[in-house]
């Protein structure tokens, strides 16, 4: 019985519940989910191309690229370029290496940014009030 259950989980990947409260668009959630699906659970890395991601989630490569950069900006992932050596010995650009960051760090960064935004809004409000008086 135990073996059958553990094999069933091989076809699933975890998506943190908090993901829905961090201000992501549906497109960002789709791309992030696909990266989680692809990631190596030991290294937290994966290498799908924009084209592969786009085919999986039904988006153009330009749209995937936009969401990848938004996820990077929001701290969900880091990206690094890779290179490959062709059969003829030429060095070419490879797919990006995506590293999924720990969700606790992402949540902390999100809260820090929200707090900073509130501080800026409060300062603007004080300035507006002072100039109106």
Foldseek 3Di string as FASTA:
>chain_A
DVVVVVVVCVQDFDDDPCVVVLPDDPLLVLLLVVLRVAADVVQQKHFDALVVSCVVRVHDSVSSVVSVVVCVVLPQWDWDWDWDQDPVGDIGTGGIIIHGDPVVVSVVSSVVVVVVVVVVVVVVVVVVVVVVD
